[in-house]
């Protein structure tokens, strides 16, 4: 059921998400929007690193409440919905008041320690990556689910001169039944140009308690002085983990 939408609109959205490999519902009103990582969450990008004298607080002095639902030590999480050129800060504690101790780039992965906290209604998880252990906002971390070849699902094969624009047209086909302002398309890798061109985008901005969105990797080859899409790979972005590649 979709909150604040007609049953017909709900059916349309579910059908469109099945074409992306999962169904979804509209976000709760309390969910932080993903349109702007810097302003929507209050989490500034690329802040200064702390001084060497900073010391991590013990667990009993951390703010908020303990959160452990679905958090398993050693599980891998991937950054999603963070645009090329931005980073997801890793902080010394759960919340924006703690200093930055590291950064996760778009499409980076990190390993969970199993610790989590709810601070001001937002979930923060402790992660380890690149020799640094710290806390990151869970709203931009996902489990990577099933990877599938979606090339054959294109009705019309897009052609043009800009691979990022081609990826947008691929997503438009997959989401044809969904109003455009219901979701965001975020470029998370590329574009790269060589013998072939490619780009990766995350389709985000909506989700349910298991599916956060979809990652789409588009490859295009040269054709008639321009580019034509030659392959589309799709990855599920999951909130609580995976089982046999599916979100749970």
Protein backbone atom coordinates (compact mmCIF):
# COMPACT_ATOMS: atom_id res chain seq x y z
CA UNK A 1 0.00 0.00 0.00
CA UNK A 2 1.27 3.45 -0.86
CA UNK A 3 0.82 6.23 1.67
CA UNK A 4 -1.03 9.25 0.27
CA UNK A 5 -1.50 7.66 -3.17
CA UNK A 6 -4.50 6.06 -4.88
CA UNK A 7 -4.65 2.27 -5.14
CA UNK A 8 -4.27 2.59 -8.93
CA UNK A 9 -1.07 4.62 -8.50
CA UNK A 10 0.19 2.01 -6.04
CA UNK A 11 -0.34 -0.76 -8.55
CA UNK A 12 1.53 1.24 -11.18
CA UNK A 13 4.54 1.77 -8.91
CA UNK A 14 4.68 -1.89 -7.88
CA UNK A 15 4.59 -2.99 -11.52
CA UNK A 16 7.40 -0.60 -12.40
CA UNK A 17 9.59 -1.77 -9.52
CA UNK A 18 9.10 -5.37 -10.59
CA UNK A 19 10.66 -4.30 -13.88
CA UNK A 20 13.66 -3.11 -11.84
CA UNK A 21 13.84 -6.37 -9.96
CA UNK A 22 11.90 -5.44 -6.79
CA UNK A 23 8.70 -3.87 -5.53
CA UNK A 24 8.58 -0.91 -3.18
CA UNK A 25 6.37 1.49 -1.27
CA UNK A 26 6.55 5.23 -0.74
CA UNK A 27 8.94 6.40 2.00
CA UNK A 28 7.72 7.23 5.46
CA UNK A 29 7.37 10.94 6.23
CA UNK A 30 10.23 10.69 8.71
CA UNK A 31 12.65 9.20 6.17
CA UNK A 32 15.42 11.67 5.29
CA UNK A 33 15.25 12.61 1.60
CA UNK A 34 18.18 11.55 -0.59
CA UNK A 35 18.11 14.40 -3.11
CA UNK A 36 20.92 16.31 -1.39
CA UNK A 37 23.39 14.45 0.77
CA UNK A 38 24.92 17.62 2.19
CA UNK A 39 21.72 19.43 3.15
CA UNK A 40 19.05 16.76 3.58
CA UNK A 41 20.85 14.90 6.35
CA UNK A 42 22.82 17.78 7.84
CA UNK A 43 25.93 15.69 7.17
CA UNK A 44 28.51 17.95 5.46
CA UNK A 45 30.72 16.33 2.84
CA UNK A 46 34.49 16.29 3.05
CA UNK A 47 34.94 17.91 6.45
CA UNK A 48 38.41 18.32 7.96
CA UNK A 49 40.15 15.34 9.53
CA UNK A 50 40.41 15.42 13.32
CA UNK A 51 43.62 16.11 15.18
CA UNK A 52 45.77 13.18 16.22
CA UNK A 53 44.83 13.87 19.85
CA UNK A 54 41.17 12.92 19.37
CA UNK A 55 40.17 9.81 21.35
CA UNK A 56 37.19 7.56 20.61
CA UNK A 57 34.49 7.57 23.27
CA UNK A 58 33.63 4.35 25.12
CA UNK A 59 30.27 2.78 24.26
CA UNK A 60 28.60 3.91 27.48
CA UNK A 61 29.24 7.57 26.59
CA UNK A 62 27.88 7.44 23.04
CA UNK A 63 24.67 9.40 22.35
CA UNK A 64 21.34 7.90 21.39
CA UNK A 65 20.02 4.39 21.86
CA UNK A 66 21.57 1.06 20.94
CA UNK A 67 20.38 -0.27 17.57
CA UNK A 68 21.23 -3.84 16.54
CA UNK A 69 18.37 -4.94 14.28
CA UNK A 70 19.86 -6.63 11.20
CA UNK A 71 23.43 -5.62 12.04
CA UNK A 72 25.88 -8.50 11.87
CA UNK A 73 29.60 -8.20 12.52
CA UNK A 74 31.58 -8.76 9.34
CA UNK A 75 28.73 -8.04 6.92
CA UNK A 76 29.72 -5.79 4.02
CA UNK A 77 27.84 -2.60 3.22
CA UNK A 78 28.18 -0.51 0.07
CA UNK A 79 27.83 3.26 -0.25
CA UNK A 80 24.84 4.14 -2.44
CA UNK A 81 23.17 7.33 -3.63
CA UNK A 82 26.33 9.42 -3.14
CA UNK A 83 27.22 11.32 -6.31
CA UNK A 84 30.61 11.34 -7.98
CA UNK A 85 32.66 14.11 -6.35
CA UNK A 86 30.98 13.70 -2.94
CA UNK A 87 31.91 11.41 -0.07
CA UNK A 88 30.16 9.83 2.90
CA UNK A 89 31.90 10.92 6.09
CA UNK A 90 33.02 8.36 8.65
CA UNK A 91 32.93 10.01 12.06
CA UNK A 92 34.37 9.29 15.46
CA UNK A 93 30.90 8.65 16.87
CA UNK A 94 27.26 8.37 15.83
CA UNK A 95 26.21 11.88 14.82
CA UNK A 96 27.36 14.99 12.99
CA UNK A 97 28.81 16.50 16.17
CA UNK A 98 31.70 14.02 16.06
CA UNK A 99 34.85 14.73 14.04
CA UNK A 100 35.49 13.15 10.65
CA UNK A 101 37.96 10.24 10.89
CA UNK A 102 37.65 8.96 7.33
CA UNK A 103 35.70 9.13 4.08
CA UNK A 104 33.88 6.59 1.92
CA UNK A 105 33.78 7.29 -1.81
CA UNK A 106 30.74 6.49 -4.00
CA UNK A 107 30.57 2.70 -4.51
CA UNK A 108 33.08 2.01 -1.69
CA UNK A 109 32.35 -0.85 0.69
CA UNK A 110 32.88 -1.12 4.45
CA UNK A 111 32.63 -3.91 6.99
CA UNK A 112 30.21 -3.64 9.90
CA UNK A 113 31.41 -4.11 13.46
CA UNK A 114 27.88 -5.00 14.57
CA UNK A 115 27.40 -1.78 16.55
CA UNK A 116 24.62 0.70 15.79
CA UNK A 117 22.93 3.68 17.44
CA UNK A 118 19.77 5.70 16.84
CA UNK A 119 20.54 9.41 17.21
CA UNK A 120 17.81 12.01 16.64
CA UNK A 121 15.77 9.46 14.70
CA UNK A 122 18.64 8.48 12.35
CA UNK A 123 20.48 5.15 12.36
CA UNK A 124 24.28 5.26 12.50
CA UNK A 125 26.44 2.14 12.17
CA UNK A 126 30.04 1.50 13.08
CA UNK A 127 32.09 0.36 10.09
CA UNK A 128 35.69 -0.45 9.23
CA UNK A 129 37.34 0.45 5.93
CA UNK A 130 40.83 1.38 4.79
CA UNK A 131 42.30 0.83 8.24
CA UNK A 132 39.82 3.24 9.86
CA UNK A 133 36.95 2.33 12.18
CA UNK A 134 34.19 4.89 12.71
CA UNK A 135 30.50 5.69 12.34
CA UNK A 136 28.55 6.38 9.14
CA UNK A 137 24.96 7.36 8.50
CA UNK A 138 23.00 4.23 7.50
CA UNK A 139 20.80 6.17 5.06
CA UNK A 140 23.56 5.91 2.44
CA UNK A 141 24.68 2.33 3.05
CA UNK A 142 23.16 -0.80 1.51
CA UNK A 143 23.68 -4.50 1.09
CA UNK A 144 24.37 -5.39 -2.55
CA UNK A 145 21.86 -7.91 -3.84
CA UNK A 146 21.39 -9.84 -7.06
CA UNK A 147 23.26 -8.67 -10.17
CA UNK A 148 21.45 -9.33 -13.44
CA UNK A 149 21.75 -8.58 -17.15
CA UNK A 150 18.81 -6.33 -18.03
CA UNK A 151 19.83 -5.55 -21.63
CA UNK A 152 17.03 -7.62 -23.13
CA UNK A 153 14.43 -5.63 -21.17
CA UNK A 154 15.02 -2.49 -23.24
CA UNK A 155 12.16 -1.79 -25.61
CA UNK A 156 14.10 0.81 -27.59
CA UNK A 157 17.91 0.75 -27.53
CA UNK A 158 19.02 4.34 -26.73
CA UNK A 159 21.54 6.08 -29.00
CA UNK A 160 23.24 9.48 -28.63
CA UNK A 161 26.51 11.18 -27.78
CA UNK A 162 26.44 11.23 -23.95
CA UNK A 163 26.54 7.94 -22.05
CA UNK A 164 25.13 9.57 -18.88
CA UNK A 165 22.12 10.81 -20.85
CA UNK A 166 21.76 7.31 -22.31
CA UNK A 167 21.71 5.86 -18.78
CA UNK A 168 18.95 8.31 -17.91
CA UNK A 169 16.92 7.07 -20.87
CA UNK A 170 17.51 3.46 -19.80
CA UNK A 171 16.17 4.26 -16.32
CA UNK A 172 13.21 6.13 -17.86
CA UNK A 173 12.26 2.93 -19.70
CA UNK A 174 12.50 0.80 -16.55
CA UNK A 175 10.52 3.39 -14.55
CA UNK A 176 8.07 4.35 -17.30
CA UNK A 177 5.04 3.81 -15.06
CA UNK A 178 6.37 5.89 -12.17
CA UNK A 179 6.13 9.71 -11.91
CA UNK A 180 9.61 11.16 -12.39
CA UNK A 181 9.52 13.15 -9.15
CA UNK A 182 9.12 9.94 -7.13
CA UNK A 183 12.75 8.94 -7.55
CA UNK A 184 16.27 10.31 -8.14
CA UNK A 185 18.98 9.16 -10.54
CA UNK A 186 22.44 9.70 -9.03
CA UNK A 187 25.65 9.19 -11.03
CA UNK A 188 27.94 7.19 -8.74
CA UNK A 189 30.75 6.18 -11.14
CA UNK A 190 31.95 7.65 -14.43
CA UNK A 191 31.28 8.47 -17.08
CA UNK A 192 34.30 6.72 -18.58
CA UNK A 193 35.18 7.05 -22.24
CA UNK A 194 37.49 4.71 -24.17
CA UNK A 195 36.89 2.06 -26.78
CA UNK A 196 33.51 1.88 -25.09
CA UNK A 197 31.77 4.33 -22.75
CA UNK A 198 30.18 3.40 -19.43
CA UNK A 199 28.53 4.97 -16.42
CA UNK A 200 26.89 3.71 -13.22
CA UNK A 201 23.82 5.34 -11.66
CA UNK A 202 21.81 4.62 -8.53
CA UNK A 203 18.02 4.89 -8.75
CA UNK A 204 17.01 6.01 -5.25
CA UNK A 205 14.62 8.15 -3.27
CA UNK A 206 12.03 5.55 -2.39
CA UNK A 207 12.06 2.20 -0.66
CA UNK A 208 10.40 -0.21 1.69
CA UNK A 209 11.80 -2.13 4.62
CA UNK A 210 13.87 -4.38 2.37
CA UNK A 211 14.57 -2.67 -0.99
CA UNK A 212 16.36 0.69 -1.11
CA UNK A 213 16.76 1.09 -4.86
CA UNK A 214 18.65 -0.21 -7.86
CA UNK A 215 22.16 0.32 -9.28
CA UNK A 216 22.32 0.43 -13.07
CA UNK A 217 25.58 0.06 -15.04
CA UNK A 218 25.26 1.09 -18.69
CA UNK A 219 27.86 0.33 -21.39
CA UNK A 220 27.67 1.95 -24.83
CA UNK A 221 29.72 1.34 -27.97
CA UNK A 222 30.45 3.56 -30.96
CA UNK A 223 27.85 3.56 -33.69
CA UNK A 224 27.33 5.95 -36.63
CA UNK A 225 29.43 8.71 -35.07
CA UNK A 226 27.71 8.41 -31.71
CA UNK A 227 27.00 5.85 -29.00
CA UNK A 228 24.48 3.06 -28.66
CA UNK A 229 23.73 1.08 -25.49
CA UNK A 230 25.23 -2.41 -25.72
CA UNK A 231 24.64 -3.75 -22.19
CA UNK A 232 22.78 -2.92 -18.99
CA UNK A 233 23.62 -4.54 -15.66
CA UNK A 234 21.35 -4.11 -12.66
CA UNK A 235 22.10 -4.60 -8.94
CA UNK A 236 19.55 -4.61 -6.13
CA UNK A 237 20.28 -2.30 -3.19
CA UNK A 238 18.98 -3.92 -0.01
CA UNK A 239 18.27 -2.51 3.44
CA UNK A 240 18.44 -5.53 5.75
CA UNK A 241 20.62 -8.06 3.99
CA UNK A 242 20.32 -10.65 1.26
CA UNK A 243 19.45 -14.30 0.81
CA UNK A 244 20.32 -15.95 -2.49
CA UNK A 245 20.84 -12.49 -3.94
CA UNK A 246 17.39 -11.24 -2.98
CA UNK A 247 16.60 -8.55 -0.43
CA UNK A 248 15.25 -9.87 2.87
